[in-house]
Amino acid sequence: MLRLNIKYSYWKGKEKKMVINKNIIHSPVNGTIKPIQNCSDAMFAQQMLGESVLITPSNNEIYAPFDGEICMLFETKHAIGIRNDNNIELLIHIGVNTVNLGGRFFTSLKKQGEKVLKGDKILSVDFESINDEGYDSDVIVIITENPAKYNYKKVDCDQIVTNQVPIFE
């Protein structure tokens, strides 16, 4: 089943034109948007890898932010890459320095190369245990590839988001 973000625009109040926007990126996690500059890792805080959003998670699931393919899954499962048909690529990085956990507290629900639909669960994470181990568990969402140079508008800070809410439009 193909899921598309569809907007309707009206022309002279009579005709409908369907516009499909495959560039919308939804939140991969339920939580609260925080200023990226608050990230405890300077590389992410300065957005060195690309335009980024910081989310403090409120549940233990990571979802596909758009229809696409899992293009990269770290062995430690702390980071996952996903690419859509427009070659827009995201890196979803869970926590800071969580690579040091060696995969503990992460369960992959999808494999590298697997196709996903927006909203599919792709990873399960025990954020409480990550915090208990002394790690920052915020989720960093980074646009690492934007070949069409699409100009994104980010969601406002302190907004509560779910996997149904766009974070980049």
Protein backbone atom coordinates (compact mmCIF):
# COMPACT_ATOMS: atom_id res chain seq x y z
CA MET A 1 0.00 0.00 0.00
CA LEU A 2 1.48 3.35 -1.05
CA ARG A 3 1.01 6.17 1.43
CA LEU A 4 1.45 9.70 0.16
CA ASN A 5 1.21 13.11 1.74
CA ILE A 6 -1.51 14.82 -0.25
CA LYS A 7 -2.48 18.48 -0.16
CA TYR A 8 -5.48 19.89 -1.95
CA SER A 9 -5.43 23.35 -3.45
CA TYR A 10 -8.40 25.13 -4.95
CA TRP A 11 -8.43 27.10 -8.16
CA LYS A 12 -11.18 29.67 -8.52
CA GLY A 13 -13.14 27.74 -5.92
CA LYS A 14 -14.28 25.12 -8.44
CA GLU A 15 -11.53 22.72 -9.39
CA LYS A 16 -9.35 20.58 -7.18
CA LYS A 17 -5.76 19.92 -8.01
CA MET A 18 -3.98 17.14 -6.16
CA VAL A 19 -0.40 17.94 -5.15
CA ILE A 20 1.73 15.10 -3.81
CA ASN A 21 4.65 16.02 -1.54
CA LYS A 22 7.05 13.14 -0.99
CA ASN A 23 9.50 15.44 0.78
CA ILE A 24 7.64 15.68 4.09
CA ILE A 25 9.53 14.01 6.92
CA HIS A 26 7.54 12.82 9.93
CA SER A 27 8.90 12.33 13.42
CA PRO A 28 10.49 8.90 13.88
CA VAL A 29 9.68 8.96 17.60
CA ASN A 30 6.98 10.30 19.90
CA GLY A 31 8.37 13.01 22.13
CA THR A 32 9.22 16.69 22.51
CA ILE A 33 11.25 18.79 20.07
CA LYS A 34 14.23 20.53 21.70
CA PRO A 35 16.67 23.07 20.26
CA ILE A 36 19.39 21.15 18.41
CA GLN A 37 21.95 23.43 20.07
CA ASN A 38 21.03 21.72 23.36
CA CYS A 39 22.44 18.40 22.13
CA SER A 40 25.28 17.24 24.38
CA ASP A 41 27.40 16.27 21.34
CA ALA A 42 28.97 19.32 19.64
CA MET A 43 29.02 17.66 16.21
CA PHE A 44 25.23 17.22 16.29
CA ALA A 45 24.60 20.55 18.06
CA GLN A 46 26.43 22.39 15.27
CA GLN A 47 24.60 20.35 12.59
CA MET A 48 27.87 19.29 10.95
CA LEU A 49 26.25 16.26 9.29
CA GLY A 50 23.22 18.17 7.99
CA GLU A 51 20.05 19.94 9.02
CA SER A 52 18.91 18.33 12.28
CA VAL A 53 16.16 18.06 14.88
CA LEU A 54 16.54 16.92 18.50
CA ILE A 55 13.70 14.95 20.12
CA THR A 56 13.39 13.83 23.74
CA PRO A 57 11.51 10.51 23.37
CA SER A 58 8.33 9.67 25.27
CA ASN A 59 8.02 6.02 24.21
CA ASN A 60 10.31 3.17 23.19
CA GLU A 61 9.55 2.89 19.47
CA ILE A 62 11.33 4.30 16.42
CA TYR A 63 9.14 4.61 13.31
CA ALA A 64 9.84 5.08 9.60
CA PRO A 65 9.50 8.86 8.96
CA PHE A 66 8.52 8.29 5.32
CA ASP A 67 8.15 5.51 2.75
CA GLY A 68 11.60 4.30 1.81
CA GLU A 69 14.34 1.78 2.34
CA ILE A 70 16.60 1.07 5.30
CA CYS A 71 19.92 1.98 3.67
CA MET A 72 22.13 1.64 6.75
CA LEU A 73 21.84 -0.05 10.12
CA PHE A 74 24.79 0.11 12.49
CA GLU A 75 25.70 -3.22 14.08
CA THR A 76 25.13 -1.59 17.47
CA LYS A 77 21.64 -0.47 16.30
CA HIS A 78 22.12 3.01 17.78
CA ALA A 79 21.81 4.62 14.33
CA ILE A 80 19.76 3.85 11.27
CA GLY A 81 19.69 5.40 7.82
CA ILE A 82 16.62 5.57 5.62
CA ARG A 83 16.26 6.85 2.04
CA ASN A 84 13.10 7.70 0.09
CA ASP A 85 12.38 7.58 -3.66
CA ASN A 86 13.57 11.19 -4.05
CA ASN A 87 16.97 10.15 -2.59
CA ILE A 88 16.39 12.19 0.53
CA GLU A 89 18.34 10.37 3.21
CA LEU A 90 18.01 10.61 6.97
CA LEU A 91 20.17 9.42 9.79
CA ILE A 92 18.23 8.62 12.95
CA HIS A 93 20.79 8.62 15.76
CA ILE A 94 19.59 7.37 19.14
CA GLY A 95 21.38 8.96 22.05
CA VAL A 96 24.88 10.33 22.42
CA ASN A 97 27.82 7.90 22.69
CA THR A 98 25.33 5.02 22.79
CA VAL A 99 27.56 3.16 20.34
CA ASN A 100 29.47 2.25 23.53
CA LEU A 101 26.49 0.14 24.66
CA GLY A 102 27.32 -2.43 21.97
CA GLY A 103 23.69 -2.90 20.96
CA ARG A 104 22.32 -3.44 24.47
CA PHE A 105 18.84 -1.90 24.86
CA PHE A 106 18.23 -1.80 21.07
CA THR A 107 16.11 -4.25 19.07
CA SER A 108 15.99 -3.92 15.30
CA LEU A 109 12.60 -4.71 13.78
CA LYS A 110 13.76 -4.21 10.18
CA LYS A 111 16.90 -5.15 8.25
CA GLN A 112 19.22 -3.15 6.04
CA GLY A 113 17.83 -3.14 2.49
CA GLU A 114 14.25 -3.68 3.65
CA LYS A 115 11.46 -1.42 2.32
CA VAL A 116 9.36 0.41 4.91
CA LEU A 117 6.21 2.51 4.91
CA LYS A 118 5.78 5.71 6.92
CA GLY A 119 4.82 4.74 10.45
CA ASP A 120 6.27 1.22 10.36
CA LYS A 121 8.08 0.34 13.60
CA ILE A 122 11.74 -0.06 12.70
CA LEU A 123 13.47 -0.17 16.09
CA SER A 124 12.58 -0.73 19.71
CA VAL A 125 14.71 1.06 22.31
CA ASP A 126 14.82 0.83 26.11
CA PHE A 127 15.39 4.53 26.73
CA GLU A 128 15.06 4.17 30.51
CA SER A 129 17.95 1.68 30.64
CA ILE A 130 20.05 3.93 28.38
CA ASN A 131 19.47 6.80 30.83
CA ASP A 132 20.19 4.51 33.80
CA GLU A 133 23.57 3.69 32.21
CA GLY A 134 24.35 7.43 32.22
CA TYR A 135 23.84 8.12 28.49
CA ASP A 136 21.84 10.90 26.89
CA SER A 137 18.90 9.23 25.12
CA ASP A 138 17.69 12.11 22.93
CA VAL A 139 17.03 11.17 19.30
CA ILE A 140 18.80 13.21 16.64
CA VAL A 141 17.23 13.25 13.16
CA ILE A 142 19.62 14.45 10.44
CA ILE A 143 18.98 15.10 6.76
CA THR A 144 22.25 13.72 5.38
CA GLU A 145 21.27 13.79 1.69
CA ASN A 146 19.01 16.36 0.05
CA PRO A 147 19.88 16.15 -3.66
CA ALA A 148 17.09 18.47 -4.83
CA LYS A 149 18.14 21.03 -2.22
CA TYR A 150 14.57 21.07 -0.94
CA ASN A 151 14.17 23.95 1.54
CA TYR A 152 12.82 22.49 4.75
CA LYS A 153 10.94 24.30 7.47
CA LYS A 154 11.51 22.71 10.88
CA VAL A 155 8.86 22.17 13.51
CA ASP A 156 8.96 24.57 16.48
CA CYS A 157 10.89 23.72 19.64
CA ASP A 158 9.00 22.43 22.69
CA GLN A 159 6.30 21.01 20.42
CA ILE A 160 5.09 17.54 21.35
CA VAL A 161 5.22 15.26 18.30
CA THR A 162 4.11 11.77 17.34
CA ASN A 163 5.12 9.68 14.37
CA GLN A 164 2.17 11.23 12.51
CA VAL A 165 3.52 14.79 12.83
CA PRO A 166 5.86 16.30 10.21
CA ILE A 167 9.13 17.60 11.66
CA PHE A 168 10.45 18.85 8.29
CA GLU A 169 8.09 20.24 5.65
